Amino acid sequence: MTIINRYIKHEKITETKFRLLFRYFVHYLDVKPVKIKFLFFCWFLIIASGCFNSSFYKPNQTLYETPDQYNLPYEEVFFKSKDGTMLYGWFVPAVGEAVGTVIHFNGNFGNLTYYFKQIHRLPLQNFNVFAFDYRGYGRSKGTPSRRGIYKDSVAAIEYIRSKPDIDHDNVFVFGQSLGGTNAIVAVAKDDFPQIRAVAIEGAFFSYRKEAQDMMTSTVRKKIGNVPCLSLQTWLISLPSVTNLYSSGEFIDQVSPIPVLLIHCTQDSYVSYHHSELLYEKAKEPKNLWIIEGCNHLQLFTDEQLKHKYRQKLVRFFNYYRQNLKKGTRDFPIDPN
């Protein structure tokens, strides 16, 4: 659902009226006095801020699938966030002797059960998997917010750090979309030396830049080409969307933990340029995979690509599990 459609549904106004109102705004108000322009602009910023911030979170409580459907045993986990909010997750043990544990940070839609198809092969490759829901998602309590989800992300890592009977020296992070942003911030802001490597797919550089991209796309779909659109979306997003807990603010602090950034060129939700910006700001050791021919979070589920890139992701984790202690820092595998 687009930002404009979200507001239309909330306010119960017709799309035609909203499009006329929005066109009126983007071509500037030709009214006097200036006070009326200013009041209208303030009203629009309030609406835009609420729409932008709410559009980053799309939780539900639908049960999409469970590890049972892949013949995998799992443990239901309840644990507390940093502020006491009760969270829910799955711990899926490796098939055979575990070589490490992967913490999965999922995207902004649905809940953890929607994303298990992305990671269900990892237990078969001898990795434990811990997947969890942010507050307000699935069976987790609370309401999603940036600060709250950051606390949830830290709590998930700390839960695995304290879990008995696993190898705490071989913990890995895999974050997708919004989960990639959350993972980067949590790993960078807190001291987690047990994390061997971080893989991030389809994450955005900053909340403000993603809001600008969303707004630009929405305006073009609903209205068409608007003169100086990039400047206008920047002016609107600057006061209405903050960069609090944005991955671009922290990616350079992930080092010396190795980071792999993955993005599809056909991503229609988050442009692959976001990963290019993250890669540019990240410090070594770092890797960037820009993959042709797939859309948002399709790399590990697309029939033509999934087998190849599932293996490459496992090789990335195994490489740093085996070689990091020996001082070998550079991951040599060509993403293509």
Protein backbone atom coordinates (compact mmCIF):
# COMPACT_ATOMS: atom_id res chain seq x y z
CA MET A 1 0.00 0.00 0.00
CA THR A 2 1.46 3.37 -0.99
CA ILE A 3 1.78 6.33 1.33
CA ILE A 4 -0.98 8.20 -0.49
CA ASN A 5 -3.31 5.19 -0.43
CA ARG A 6 -2.60 4.74 3.28
CA TYR A 7 -3.72 8.30 3.96
CA ILE A 8 -6.74 7.98 1.66
CA LYS A 9 -7.89 4.89 3.54
CA HIS A 10 -7.35 6.54 6.92
CA GLU A 11 -9.17 9.78 6.07
CA LYS A 12 -11.86 8.14 3.91
CA ILE A 13 -11.51 10.63 1.04
CA THR A 14 -11.60 9.84 -2.64
CA GLU A 15 -8.35 9.27 -4.49
CA THR A 16 -9.36 11.91 -7.06
CA LYS A 17 -9.70 14.56 -4.38
CA PHE A 18 -6.40 13.59 -2.82
CA ARG A 19 -4.60 13.67 -6.15
CA LEU A 20 -6.00 17.16 -6.79
CA LEU A 21 -4.89 18.27 -3.34
CA PHE A 22 -1.45 16.79 -3.79
CA ARG A 23 -1.08 18.35 -7.27
CA TYR A 24 -2.11 21.63 -5.72
CA PHE A 25 0.67 21.30 -3.18
CA VAL A 26 3.49 20.17 -5.45
CA HIS A 27 2.84 23.01 -7.90
CA TYR A 28 2.78 25.43 -4.95
CA LEU A 29 -0.12 27.38 -3.60
CA ASP A 30 -0.84 30.60 -5.39
CA VAL A 31 -2.72 32.22 -2.52
CA LYS A 32 -2.20 35.14 -0.22
CA PRO A 33 -1.25 35.93 2.46
CA VAL A 34 1.94 33.94 3.06
CA LYS A 35 0.53 32.75 6.39
CA ILE A 36 -1.96 30.52 4.56
CA LYS A 37 0.84 28.92 2.55
CA PHE A 38 2.81 28.33 5.72
CA LEU A 39 -0.14 26.76 7.56
CA PHE A 40 -0.89 24.48 4.62
CA PHE A 41 2.75 23.44 4.43
CA CYS A 42 2.81 22.64 8.17
CA TRP A 43 -0.37 20.58 7.80
CA PHE A 44 1.17 18.66 4.92
CA LEU A 45 4.36 17.97 6.91
CA ILE A 46 2.34 16.55 9.79
CA ILE A 47 0.43 14.26 7.43
CA ALA A 48 3.61 13.28 5.56
CA SER A 49 5.50 12.52 8.78
CA GLY A 50 2.79 10.17 10.02
CA CYS A 51 2.47 8.46 6.64
CA PHE A 52 6.21 8.01 6.16
CA ASN A 53 6.88 6.66 9.65
CA SER A 54 3.92 4.26 9.60
CA SER A 55 4.85 3.00 6.13
CA PHE A 56 8.07 1.45 7.46
CA TYR A 57 6.11 -1.06 9.57
CA LYS A 58 3.51 -3.49 8.20
CA PRO A 59 3.10 -6.15 10.89
CA ASN A 60 0.42 -8.81 11.07
CA GLN A 61 -0.31 -11.95 13.09
CA THR A 62 -0.85 -14.33 10.16
CA LEU A 63 0.79 -17.74 10.40
CA TYR A 64 2.37 -18.32 6.97
CA GLU A 65 4.48 -21.41 7.59
CA THR A 66 6.50 -23.17 10.27
CA PRO A 67 9.71 -25.25 10.28
CA ASP A 68 7.49 -28.33 10.53
CA GLN A 69 6.63 -27.87 6.87
CA TYR A 70 10.32 -28.36 6.05
CA ASN A 71 10.63 -31.33 8.44
CA LEU A 72 12.72 -29.25 10.82
CA PRO A 73 12.31 -29.34 14.60
CA TYR A 74 12.21 -26.02 16.40
CA GLU A 75 11.88 -24.46 19.82
CA GLU A 76 9.44 -21.63 20.50
CA VAL A 77 11.20 -18.89 22.43
CA PHE A 78 9.87 -16.05 24.55
CA PHE A 79 12.38 -13.44 25.67
CA LYS A 80 12.35 -9.84 26.85
CA SER A 81 13.50 -6.77 24.97
CA LYS A 82 15.72 -4.20 26.65
CA ASP A 83 12.66 -2.37 28.01
CA GLY A 84 10.84 -5.50 29.14
CA THR A 85 8.59 -5.98 26.10
CA MET A 86 7.92 -9.68 25.58
CA LEU A 87 9.18 -10.97 22.22
CA TYR A 88 8.67 -14.22 20.37
CA GLY A 89 11.04 -16.27 18.24
CA TRP A 90 12.08 -19.66 16.89
CA PHE A 91 15.32 -21.48 17.55
CA VAL A 92 15.84 -24.04 14.78
CA PRO A 93 18.78 -26.38 15.52
CA ALA A 94 21.19 -27.46 12.82
CA VAL A 95 20.71 -30.83 11.20
CA GLY A 96 23.79 -32.66 12.38
CA GLU A 97 26.65 -31.06 14.29
CA ALA A 98 26.26 -27.27 14.37
CA VAL A 99 29.14 -25.14 13.07
CA GLY A 100 27.54 -21.84 14.06
CA THR A 101 24.33 -19.91 14.67
CA VAL A 102 22.70 -17.42 12.31
CA ILE A 103 20.45 -14.71 13.77
CA HIS A 104 17.89 -13.65 11.17
CA PHE A 105 16.49 -10.11 11.12
CA ASN A 106 13.42 -10.09 8.87
CA GLY A 107 11.82 -7.31 6.81
CA ASN A 108 9.03 -4.89 7.61
CA PHE A 109 6.08 -6.99 6.43
CA GLY A 110 4.11 -9.66 8.24
CA ASN A 111 6.16 -11.55 10.82
CA LEU A 112 8.89 -14.17 11.10
CA THR A 113 6.69 -16.94 9.69
CA TYR A 114 6.53 -15.11 6.34
CA TYR A 115 10.33 -15.09 5.99
CA PHE A 116 11.26 -18.62 7.00
CA LYS A 117 11.36 -19.63 3.33
CA GLN A 118 14.39 -17.33 3.04
CA ILE A 119 16.45 -19.23 5.63
CA HIS A 120 15.06 -22.76 5.87
CA ARG A 121 18.10 -24.27 4.12
CA LEU A 122 20.60 -23.01 6.69
CA PRO A 123 19.90 -25.78 9.26
CA LEU A 124 20.61 -28.31 6.50
CA GLN A 125 24.00 -26.63 6.09
CA ASN A 126 24.81 -27.21 9.78
CA PHE A 127 23.82 -23.77 11.07
CA ASN A 128 21.44 -23.17 13.94
CA VAL A 129 18.94 -20.45 13.06
CA PHE A 130 17.34 -17.97 15.44
CA ALA A 131 14.46 -15.95 13.97
CA PHE A 132 12.43 -13.50 16.02
CA ASP A 133 9.63 -10.97 15.73
CA TYR A 134 10.03 -7.30 16.52
CA ARG A 135 7.53 -5.74 18.87
CA GLY A 136 4.06 -5.59 17.37
CA TYR A 137 4.85 -8.35 14.87
CA GLY A 138 3.43 -11.87 15.08
CA ARG A 139 3.21 -13.01 18.69
CA SER A 140 5.49 -10.31 20.09
CA LYS A 141 3.90 -7.68 22.30
CA GLY A 142 4.04 -3.92 21.95
CA THR A 143 3.92 -1.45 19.05
CA PRO A 144 6.72 -1.04 16.49
CA SER A 145 8.91 2.04 16.66
CA ARG A 146 12.49 2.73 15.64
CA ARG A 147 13.86 2.93 19.14
CA GLY A 148 11.84 -0.08 20.25
CA ILE A 149 12.92 -2.26 17.34
CA TYR A 150 16.54 -1.30 17.95
CA LYS A 151 16.13 -2.54 21.53
CA ASP A 152 14.52 -5.74 20.24
CA SER A 153 17.43 -6.34 17.85
CA VAL A 154 20.00 -5.96 20.61
CA ALA A 155 17.96 -8.25 22.86
CA ALA A 156 17.89 -10.96 20.17
CA ILE A 157 21.67 -10.96 19.90
CA GLU A 158 22.04 -11.00 23.67
CA TYR A 159 19.62 -13.91 23.90
CA ILE A 160 21.84 -16.00 21.63
CA ARG A 161 24.94 -14.82 23.49
CA SER A 162 23.49 -16.23 26.69
CA LYS A 163 21.95 -19.40 25.25
CA PRO A 164 23.69 -22.54 26.56
CA ASP A 165 24.88 -25.43 24.42
CA ILE A 166 25.83 -23.41 21.33
CA ASP A 167 29.19 -22.16 20.07
CA HIS A 168 29.21 -18.52 21.16
CA ASP A 169 32.36 -17.83 19.14
CA ASN A 170 30.62 -18.55 15.84
CA VAL A 171 27.55 -16.33 15.67
CA PHE A 172 26.48 -14.76 12.37
CA VAL A 173 23.90 -12.16 11.39
CA PHE A 174 21.67 -12.16 8.32
CA GLY A 175 19.41 -9.12 7.90
CA GLN A 176 16.96 -8.44 5.08
CA SER A 177 15.43 -5.09 4.09
CA LEU A 178 14.36 -3.27 7.29
CA GLY A 179 16.00 -6.13 9.19
CA GLY A 180 19.29 -5.30 7.50
CA THR A 181 19.07 -1.76 8.81
CA ASN A 182 18.22 -3.01 12.30
CA ALA A 183 21.05 -5.55 12.24
CA ILE A 184 23.68 -3.00 11.18
CA VAL A 185 22.70 -0.56 13.91
CA ALA A 186 22.51 -3.22 16.64
CA VAL A 187 25.89 -4.74 15.75
CA ALA A 188 27.58 -1.34 15.37
CA LYS A 189 26.24 0.36 18.51
CA ASP A 190 26.86 -2.54 20.88
CA ASP A 191 29.85 -4.69 21.67
CA PHE A 192 29.33 -8.14 20.14
CA PRO A 193 32.76 -9.65 19.49
CA GLN A 194 31.22 -13.11 19.09
CA ILE A 195 29.68 -12.11 15.76
CA ARG A 196 31.91 -13.49 13.02
CA ALA A 197 30.26 -11.89 9.97
CA VAL A 198 27.22 -9.90 8.90
CA ALA A 199 25.26 -10.42 5.64
CA ILE A 200 22.73 -7.76 4.63
CA GLU A 201 20.26 -7.98 1.74
CA GLY A 202 18.14 -5.16 0.32
CA ALA A 203 18.66 -2.66 3.15
CA PHE A 204 18.24 1.10 2.83
CA PHE A 205 20.93 3.65 3.59
CA SER A 206 18.73 5.98 5.63
CA TYR A 207 15.10 6.43 6.57
CA ARG A 208 15.04 9.88 5.01
CA LYS A 209 16.49 8.76 1.70
CA GLU A 210 14.09 5.83 1.53
CA ALA A 211 11.19 8.18 2.31
CA GLN A 212 12.35 10.45 -0.52
CA ASP A 213 12.46 7.50 -2.89
CA MET A 214 9.01 6.34 -1.78
CA MET A 215 7.55 9.80 -2.19
CA THR A 216 9.13 10.31 -5.60
CA SER A 217 7.76 6.99 -6.81
CA THR A 218 4.30 7.74 -5.42
CA VAL A 219 4.10 11.20 -6.97
CA ARG A 220 5.13 9.89 -10.38
CA LYS A 221 2.57 7.10 -10.23
CA LYS A 222 -0.27 9.28 -8.97
CA ILE A 223 0.45 12.61 -10.64
CA GLY A 224 3.16 12.22 -13.25
CA ASN A 225 6.33 14.18 -13.76
CA VAL A 226 6.69 17.22 -11.52
CA PRO A 227 9.36 19.90 -12.03
CA CYS A 228 12.21 19.77 -9.49
CA LEU A 229 10.65 16.73 -7.82
CA SER A 230 13.86 15.59 -6.12
CA LEU A 231 14.29 19.00 -4.52
CA GLN A 232 10.69 19.07 -3.35
CA THR A 233 10.78 15.58 -1.81
CA TRP A 234 14.04 16.49 -0.08
CA LEU A 235 12.48 19.65 1.38
CA ILE A 236 9.43 17.71 2.58
CA SER A 237 11.36 14.78 4.05
CA LEU A 238 13.99 16.92 5.78
CA PRO A 239 11.73 18.08 8.64
CA SER A 240 9.27 15.16 8.57
CA VAL A 241 11.58 12.11 8.60
CA THR A 242 14.62 11.73 10.84
CA ASN A 243 17.62 9.48 10.31
CA LEU A 244 17.51 8.10 13.83
CA TYR A 245 18.84 4.51 13.82
CA SER A 246 19.65 4.63 10.10
CA SER A 247 22.19 2.10 8.85
CA GLY A 248 24.16 4.77 7.00
CA GLU A 249 24.96 6.42 10.32
CA PHE A 250 26.53 3.23 11.72
CA ILE A 251 27.80 1.03 8.88
CA ASP A 252 31.37 2.30 9.31
CA GLN A 253 31.31 1.11 12.93
CA VAL A 254 30.63 -2.55 12.07
CA SER A 255 34.32 -3.08 11.23
CA PRO A 256 36.37 -5.14 12.05
CA ILE A 257 33.43 -7.54 11.69
CA PRO A 258 33.21 -8.53 8.00
CA VAL A 259 30.10 -7.28 6.21
CA LEU A 260 28.52 -8.52 2.98
CA LEU A 261 26.01 -6.24 1.23
CA ILE A 262 23.63 -7.85 -1.27
CA HIS A 263 21.14 -6.14 -3.57
CA CYS A 264 19.12 -6.91 -6.71
CA THR A 265 19.21 -4.38 -9.52
CA GLN A 266 15.48 -4.78 -10.22
CA ASP A 267 14.51 -4.02 -6.61
CA SER A 268 11.34 -1.91 -6.85
CA TYR A 269 11.09 -1.26 -3.10
CA VAL A 270 14.63 -0.26 -2.13
CA SER A 271 16.95 0.86 -4.91
CA TYR A 272 20.24 -1.01 -5.15
CA HIS A 273 21.96 2.37 -4.91
CA HIS A 274 21.30 2.21 -1.16
CA SER A 275 23.66 -0.77 -0.87
CA GLU A 276 26.23 1.03 -3.01
CA LEU A 277 26.10 3.95 -0.57
CA LEU A 278 26.43 1.58 2.39
CA TYR A 279 29.39 -0.16 0.76
CA GLU A 280 31.09 3.16 0.06
CA LYS A 281 30.83 4.20 3.70
CA ALA A 282 31.62 0.79 5.23
CA LYS A 283 35.15 -0.04 6.30
CA GLU A 284 37.09 -3.17 5.45
CA PRO A 285 36.55 -6.06 5.45
CA LYS A 286 33.55 -5.52 3.19
CA ASN A 287 31.96 -7.12 0.12
CA LEU A 288 29.23 -6.02 -2.28
CA TRP A 289 27.07 -8.25 -4.45
CA ILE A 290 24.90 -6.44 -7.00
CA ILE A 291 22.80 -9.13 -8.67
CA GLU A 292 21.03 -8.75 -12.02
CA GLY A 293 17.55 -10.04 -12.68
CA CYS A 294 15.77 -10.19 -9.32
CA ASN A 295 13.44 -8.00 -7.28
CA HIS A 296 13.28 -7.18 -3.57
CA LEU A 297 14.28 -10.17 -1.39
CA GLN A 298 13.87 -12.63 -4.25
CA LEU A 299 17.49 -13.75 -4.47
CA PHE A 300 17.12 -16.68 -2.08
CA THR A 301 13.66 -17.74 -3.30
CA ASP A 302 13.85 -17.23 -7.09
CA GLU A 303 13.92 -20.57 -8.90
CA GLN A 304 16.73 -19.47 -11.22
CA LEU A 305 18.95 -17.95 -8.54
CA LYS A 306 18.23 -19.47 -5.13
CA HIS A 307 20.42 -22.59 -5.32
CA LYS A 308 23.50 -20.67 -6.44
CA TYR A 309 23.21 -17.86 -3.91
CA ARG A 310 22.15 -19.98 -0.97
CA GLN A 311 25.43 -21.82 -1.41
CA LYS A 312 27.37 -18.59 -1.74
CA LEU A 313 25.88 -17.22 1.46
CA VAL A 314 26.82 -20.41 3.32
CA ARG A 315 30.34 -20.20 1.88
CA PHE A 316 30.58 -16.62 3.15
CA PHE A 317 29.64 -17.66 6.67
CA ASN A 318 31.90 -20.73 6.58
CA TYR A 319 34.83 -18.71 5.25
CA TYR A 320 34.89 -16.42 8.24
CA ARG A 321 34.09 -19.21 10.65
CA GLN A 322 37.16 -21.10 9.50
CA ASN A 323 39.61 -18.36 8.61
CA LEU A 324 39.00 -15.29 10.74
CA LYS A 325 41.10 -16.59 13.62
CA LYS A 326 43.94 -17.16 11.18
CA GLY A 327 43.92 -13.52 10.12
CA THR A 328 42.58 -14.05 6.59
CA ARG A 329 40.25 -11.10 6.15
CA ASP A 330 39.20 -10.88 2.50
CA PHE A 331 36.36 -12.98 1.20
CA PRO A 332 37.53 -14.03 -2.27
CA ILE A 333 34.33 -15.31 -3.85
CA ASP A 334 33.05 -13.46 -6.92
CA PRO A 335 29.27 -12.87 -6.50
CA ASN A 336 28.66 -13.71 -10.17
